Amino acid sequence: PSYTLGVLKDMIVKSLLVVTALTLSAMGIASAKSNSVTLTTPTKAGATNLKPGEYQVKVEGAQAIFTDEQEGKSFSIPVKIEQSDKKFNDTSVDTTNANGMDTIHEIDLGGSTTRLEFGQ
Protein backbone atom coordinates (compact mmCIF):
# COMPACT_ATOMS: atom_id res chain seq x y z
CA PRO A 1 0.00 0.00 0.00
CA SER A 2 0.96 3.61 -0.47
CA TYR A 3 1.81 5.52 2.74
CA THR A 4 2.41 9.20 3.21
CA LEU A 5 5.67 10.38 4.73
CA GLY A 6 3.83 11.49 7.89
CA VAL A 7 2.27 8.05 8.41
CA LEU A 8 5.63 6.32 7.95
CA LYS A 9 7.33 8.73 10.34
CA ASP A 10 4.62 8.11 12.97
CA MET A 11 5.01 4.35 12.54
CA ILE A 12 8.79 4.56 12.97
CA VAL A 13 8.52 6.77 16.08
CA LYS A 14 5.94 4.42 17.65
CA SER A 15 8.13 1.41 16.85
CA LEU A 16 11.15 3.05 18.49
CA LEU A 17 9.11 3.89 21.59
CA VAL A 18 7.89 0.29 21.86
CA VAL A 19 11.44 -1.06 21.49
CA THR A 20 12.72 1.38 24.12
CA ALA A 21 9.89 0.49 26.52
CA LEU A 22 10.53 -3.24 26.07
CA THR A 23 14.27 -2.75 26.59
CA LEU A 24 13.70 -0.78 29.78
CA SER A 25 11.15 -3.25 31.15
CA ALA A 26 13.47 -6.18 30.40
CA MET A 27 16.20 -4.52 32.45
CA GLY A 28 14.05 -4.80 35.58
CA ILE A 29 15.12 -1.49 37.04
CA ALA A 30 14.01 -1.20 40.66
CA SER A 31 16.18 1.47 42.26
CA ALA A 32 14.32 4.64 43.22
CA LYS A 33 17.45 6.78 43.46
CA SER A 34 19.32 5.76 40.33
CA ASN A 35 17.83 4.50 37.10
CA SER A 36 19.24 3.53 33.74
CA VAL A 37 17.78 4.75 30.45
CA THR A 38 18.72 3.88 26.89
CA LEU A 39 18.55 6.61 24.27
CA THR A 40 18.50 5.19 20.74
CA THR A 41 18.55 8.55 18.92
CA PRO A 42 19.93 12.05 19.61
CA THR A 43 17.69 13.34 22.40
CA LYS A 44 17.06 16.73 23.98
CA ALA A 45 16.43 16.92 27.73
CA GLY A 46 15.59 20.48 28.74
CA ALA A 47 18.17 22.59 26.90
CA THR A 48 20.75 19.75 26.82
CA ASN A 49 21.40 17.55 23.78
CA LEU A 50 22.28 13.95 24.64
CA LYS A 51 23.76 11.51 22.16
CA PRO A 52 22.47 7.93 21.87
CA GLY A 53 23.67 5.58 24.59
CA GLU A 54 23.13 4.28 28.12
CA TYR A 55 22.69 6.82 30.90
CA GLN A 56 22.29 6.57 34.66
CA VAL A 57 19.73 9.12 35.89
CA LYS A 58 19.90 10.40 39.48
CA VAL A 59 17.88 13.13 41.15
CA GLU A 60 19.72 15.73 43.21
CA GLY A 61 17.48 18.52 44.45
CA ALA A 62 15.66 19.95 41.41
CA GLN A 63 18.23 18.52 38.98
CA ALA A 64 18.32 15.29 36.99
CA ILE A 65 21.91 14.13 36.59
CA PHE A 66 22.44 12.07 33.41
CA THR A 67 25.73 10.15 33.45
CA ASP A 68 26.91 8.58 30.20
CA GLU A 69 27.80 5.02 31.20
CA GLN A 70 30.41 4.63 28.45
CA GLU A 71 32.23 7.97 28.73
CA GLY A 72 31.46 8.86 32.35
CA LYS A 73 30.40 12.42 31.43
CA SER A 74 27.58 13.93 33.49
CA PHE A 75 24.91 16.44 32.50
CA SER A 76 22.83 18.34 35.06
CA ILE A 77 19.35 19.25 33.82
CA PRO A 78 16.67 21.20 35.75
CA VAL A 79 13.46 19.22 36.33
CA LYS A 80 10.13 19.59 38.04
CA ILE A 81 9.65 16.68 40.43
CA GLU A 82 6.13 15.28 40.82
CA GLN A 83 4.86 12.41 42.96
CA SER A 84 2.41 9.90 41.50
CA ASP A 85 -0.38 8.16 43.40
CA LYS A 86 1.08 4.82 42.32
CA LYS A 87 4.52 3.28 42.28
CA PHE A 88 6.08 2.86 38.82
CA ASN A 89 7.13 -0.74 38.12
CA ASP A 90 9.64 0.26 35.46
CA THR A 91 11.47 3.37 34.37
CA SER A 92 9.81 4.89 31.32
CA VAL A 93 10.76 7.83 29.15
CA ASP A 94 8.07 9.91 27.40
CA THR A 95 9.43 11.61 24.26
CA THR A 96 8.26 13.24 21.07
CA ASN A 97 10.19 13.51 17.82
CA ALA A 98 10.52 16.66 15.74
CA ASN A 99 13.03 17.26 12.95
CA GLY A 100 14.93 14.05 13.72
CA MET A 101 15.48 14.92 17.40
CA ASP A 102 13.66 13.24 20.28
CA THR A 103 12.67 15.51 23.18
CA ILE A 104 12.12 14.10 26.66
CA HIS A 105 8.95 15.39 28.33
CA GLU A 106 9.04 13.18 31.41
CA ILE A 107 10.69 10.20 33.02
CA ASP A 108 8.86 7.94 35.49
CA LEU A 109 11.44 6.39 37.82
CA GLY A 110 10.92 2.65 38.31
CA GLY A 111 10.57 1.46 41.89
CA SER A 112 9.32 4.87 43.04
CA THR A 113 6.44 7.31 42.73
CA THR A 114 8.77 9.98 41.29
CA ARG A 115 8.06 11.60 37.93
CA LEU A 116 10.59 14.01 36.40
CA GLU A 117 9.12 16.68 34.13
CA PHE A 118 11.43 18.48 31.74
CA GLY A 119 10.84 22.08 30.64
CA GLN A 120 11.42 22.94 27.01
C-alpha atoms as a PDB file:
ATOM      1  CA  PRO A   1       0.000   0.000   0.000  1.00  0.00           C
ATOM      2  CA  SER A   2       0.959   3.615  -0.467  1.00  0.00           C
ATOM      3  CA  TYR A   3       1.806   5.515   2.742  1.00  0.00           C
ATOM      4  CA  THR A   4       2.415   9.202   3.207  1.00  0.00           C
ATOM      5  CA  LEU A   5       5.671  10.385   4.734  1.00  0.00           C
ATOM      6  CA  GLY A   6       3.833  11.489   7.892  1.00  0.00           C
ATOM      7  CA  VAL A   7       2.271   8.051   8.412  1.00  0.00           C
ATOM      8  CA  LEU A   8       5.632   6.318   7.946  1.00  0.00           C
ATOM      9  CA  LYS A   9       7.330   8.727  10.343  1.00  0.00           C
ATOM     10  CA  ASP A  10       4.620   8.114  12.973  1.00  0.00           C
ATOM     11  CA  MET A  11       5.006   4.347  12.542  1.00  0.00           C
ATOM     12  CA  ILE A  12       8.791   4.562  12.974  1.00  0.00           C
ATOM     13  CA  VAL A  13       8.517   6.766  16.084  1.00  0.00           C
ATOM     14  CA  LYS A  14       5.943   4.422  17.650  1.00  0.00           C
ATOM     15  CA  SER A  15       8.127   1.410  16.845  1.00  0.00           C
ATOM     16  CA  LEU A  16      11.152   3.052  18.488  1.00  0.00           C
ATOM     17  CA  LEU A  17       9.112   3.890  21.585  1.00  0.00           C
ATOM     18  CA  VAL A  18       7.889   0.292  21.855  1.00  0.00           C
ATOM     19  CA  VAL A  19      11.440  -1.064  21.489  1.00  0.00           C
ATOM     20  CA  THR A  20      12.720   1.383  24.121  1.00  0.00           C
ATOM     21  CA  ALA A  21       9.893   0.488  26.520  1.00  0.00           C
ATOM     22  CA  LEU A  22      10.531  -3.239  26.069  1.00  0.00           C
ATOM     23  CA  THR A  23      14.266  -2.750  26.586  1.00  0.00           C
ATOM     24  CA  LEU A  24      13.703  -0.784  29.784  1.00  0.00           C
ATOM     25  CA  SER A  25      11.149  -3.248  31.147  1.00  0.00           C
ATOM     26  CA  ALA A  26      13.467  -6.179  30.400  1.00  0.00           C
ATOM     27  CA  MET A  27      16.197  -4.522  32.447  1.00  0.00           C
ATOM     28  CA  GLY A  28      14.049  -4.799  35.584  1.00  0.00           C
ATOM     29  CA  ILE A  29      15.124  -1.494  37.038  1.00  0.00           C
ATOM     30  CA  ALA A  30      14.009  -1.204  40.661  1.00  0.00           C
ATOM     31  CA  SER A  31      16.178   1.468  42.258  1.00  0.00           C
ATOM     32  CA  ALA A  32      14.316   4.638  43.217  1.00  0.00           C
ATOM     33  CA  LYS A  33      17.449   6.783  43.463  1.00  0.00           C
ATOM     34  CA  SER A  34      19.324   5.763  40.327  1.00  0.00           C
ATOM     35  CA  ASN A  35      17.828   4.497  37.101  1.00  0.00           C
ATOM     36  CA  SER A  36      19.237   3.535  33.744  1.00  0.00           C
ATOM     37  CA  VAL A  37      17.782   4.752  30.449  1.00  0.00           C
ATOM     38  CA  THR A  38      18.724   3.878  26.891  1.00  0.00           C
ATOM     39  CA  LEU A  39      18.554   6.612  24.267  1.00  0.00           C
ATOM     40  CA  THR A  40      18.501   5.193  20.739  1.00  0.00           C
ATOM     41  CA  THR A  41      18.554   8.547  18.921  1.00  0.00           C
ATOM     42  CA  PRO A  42      19.932  12.047  19.615  1.00  0.00           C
ATOM     43  CA  THR A  43      17.691  13.342  22.405  1.00  0.00           C
ATOM     44  CA  LYS A  44      17.058  16.726  23.976  1.00  0.00           C
ATOM     45  CA  ALA A  45      16.428  16.921  27.727  1.00  0.00           C
ATOM     46  CA  GLY A  46      15.587  20.476  28.741  1.00  0.00           C
ATOM     47  CA  ALA A  47      18.171  22.593  26.902  1.00  0.00           C
ATOM     48  CA  THR A  48      20.748  19.754  26.816  1.00  0.00           C
ATOM     49  CA  ASN A  49      21.403  17.553  23.776  1.00  0.00           C
ATOM     50  CA  LEU A  50      22.281  13.948  24.638  1.00  0.00           C
ATOM     51  CA  LYS A  51      23.763  11.507  22.164  1.00  0.00           C
ATOM     52  CA  PRO A  52      22.471   7.928  21.871  1.00  0.00           C
ATOM     53  CA  GLY A  53      23.669   5.585  24.593  1.00  0.00           C
ATOM     54  CA  GLU A  54      23.133   4.283  28.117  1.00  0.00           C
ATOM     55  CA  TYR A  55      22.685   6.822  30.903  1.00  0.00           C
ATOM     56  CA  GLN A  56      22.290   6.570  34.662  1.00  0.00           C
ATOM     57  CA  VAL A  57      19.734   9.116  35.892  1.00  0.00           C
ATOM     58  CA  LYS A  58      19.903  10.400  39.476  1.00  0.00           C
ATOM     59  CA  VAL A  59      17.876  13.127  41.155  1.00  0.00           C
ATOM     60  CA  GLU A  60      19.724  15.730  43.214  1.00  0.00           C
ATOM     61  CA  GLY A  61      17.478  18.524  44.446  1.00  0.00           C
ATOM     62  CA  ALA A  62      15.656  19.952  41.414  1.00  0.00           C
ATOM     63  CA  GLN A  63      18.232  18.519  38.977  1.00  0.00           C
ATOM     64  CA  ALA A  64      18.321  15.290  36.994  1.00  0.00           C
ATOM     65  CA  ILE A  65      21.912  14.126  36.586  1.00  0.00           C
ATOM     66  CA  PHE A  66      22.444  12.074  33.408  1.00  0.00           C
ATOM     67  CA  THR A  67      25.732  10.145  33.449  1.00  0.00           C
ATOM     68  CA  ASP A  68      26.908   8.584  30.196  1.00  0.00           C
ATOM     69  CA  GLU A  69      27.804   5.015  31.205  1.00  0.00           C
ATOM     70  CA  GLN A  70      30.407   4.632  28.451  1.00  0.00           C
ATOM     71  CA  GLU A  71      32.229   7.975  28.735  1.00  0.00           C
ATOM     72  CA  GLY A  72      31.461   8.859  32.352  1.00  0.00           C
ATOM     73  CA  LYS A  73      30.397  12.418  31.431  1.00  0.00           C
ATOM     74  CA  SER A  74      27.580  13.930  33.489  1.00  0.00           C
ATOM     75  CA  PHE A  75      24.910  16.438  32.500  1.00  0.00           C
ATOM     76  CA  SER A  76      22.827  18.336  35.062  1.00  0.00           C
ATOM     77  CA  ILE A  77      19.349  19.249  33.820  1.00  0.00           C
ATOM     78  CA  PRO A  78      16.670  21.197  35.747  1.00  0.00           C
ATOM     79  CA  VAL A  79      13.464  19.220  36.328  1.00  0.00           C
ATOM     80  CA  LYS A  80      10.128  19.586  38.041  1.00  0.00           C
ATOM     81  CA  ILE A  81       9.647  16.676  40.430  1.00  0.00           C
ATOM     82  CA  GLU A  82       6.135  15.276  40.823  1.00  0.00           C
ATOM     83  CA  GLN A  83       4.861  12.406  42.956  1.00  0.00           C
ATOM     84  CA  SER A  84       2.405   9.903  41.499  1.00  0.00           C
ATOM     85  CA  ASP A  85      -0.380   8.159  43.397  1.00  0.00           C
ATOM     86  CA  LYS A  86       1.081   4.822  42.320  1.00  0.00           C
ATOM     87  CA  LYS A  87       4.517   3.280  42.278  1.00  0.00           C
ATOM     88  CA  PHE A  88       6.076   2.860  38.821  1.00  0.00           C
ATOM     89  CA  ASN A  89       7.132  -0.738  38.123  1.00  0.00           C
ATOM     90  CA  ASP A  90       9.642   0.260  35.459  1.00  0.00           C
ATOM     91  CA  THR A  91      11.470   3.374  34.374  1.00  0.00           C
ATOM     92  CA  SER A  92       9.807   4.887  31.325  1.00  0.00           C
ATOM     93  CA  VAL A  93      10.762   7.831  29.146  1.00  0.00           C
ATOM     94  CA  ASP A  94       8.073   9.914  27.401  1.00  0.00           C
ATOM     95  CA  THR A  95       9.435  11.613  24.261  1.00  0.00           C
ATOM     96  CA  THR A  96       8.256  13.235  21.065  1.00  0.00           C
ATOM     97  CA  ASN A  97      10.186  13.513  17.822  1.00  0.00           C
ATOM     98  CA  ALA A  98      10.521  16.664  15.744  1.00  0.00           C
ATOM     99  CA  ASN A  99      13.025  17.258  12.950  1.00  0.00           C
ATOM    100  CA  GLY A 100      14.932  14.052  13.723  1.00  0.00           C
ATOM    101  CA  MET A 101      15.485  14.923  17.398  1.00  0.00           C
ATOM    102  CA  ASP A 102      13.659  13.243  20.283  1.00  0.00           C
ATOM    103  CA  THR A 103      12.671  15.514  23.176  1.00  0.00           C
ATOM    104  CA  ILE A 104      12.118  14.096  26.664  1.00  0.00           C
ATOM    105  CA  HIS A 105       8.955  15.388  28.328  1.00  0.00           C
ATOM    106  CA  GLU A 106       9.044  13.183  31.411  1.00  0.00           C
ATOM    107  CA  ILE A 107      10.686  10.203  33.021  1.00  0.00           C
ATOM    108  CA  ASP A 108       8.861   7.939  35.485  1.00  0.00           C
ATOM    109  CA  LEU A 109      11.436   6.395  37.817  1.00  0.00           C
ATOM    110  CA  GLY A 110      10.915   2.653  38.306  1.00  0.00           C
ATOM    111  CA  GLY A 111      10.570   1.457  41.894  1.00  0.00           C
ATOM    112  CA  SER A 112       9.321   4.867  43.041  1.00  0.00           C
ATOM    113  CA  THR A 113       6.439   7.311  42.726  1.00  0.00           C
ATOM    114  CA  THR A 114       8.769   9.976  41.293  1.00  0.00           C
ATOM    115  CA  ARG A 115       8.060  11.605  37.927  1.00  0.00           C
ATOM    116  CA  LEU A 116      10.592  14.013  36.402  1.00  0.00           C
ATOM    117  CA  GLU A 117       9.119  16.678  34.132  1.00  0.00           C
ATOM    118  CA  PHE A 118      11.433  18.478  31.741  1.00  0.00           C
ATOM    119  CA  GLY A 119      10.837  22.081  30.641  1.00  0.00           C
ATOM    120  CA  GLN A 120      11.416  22.937  27.015  1.00  0.00           C
END
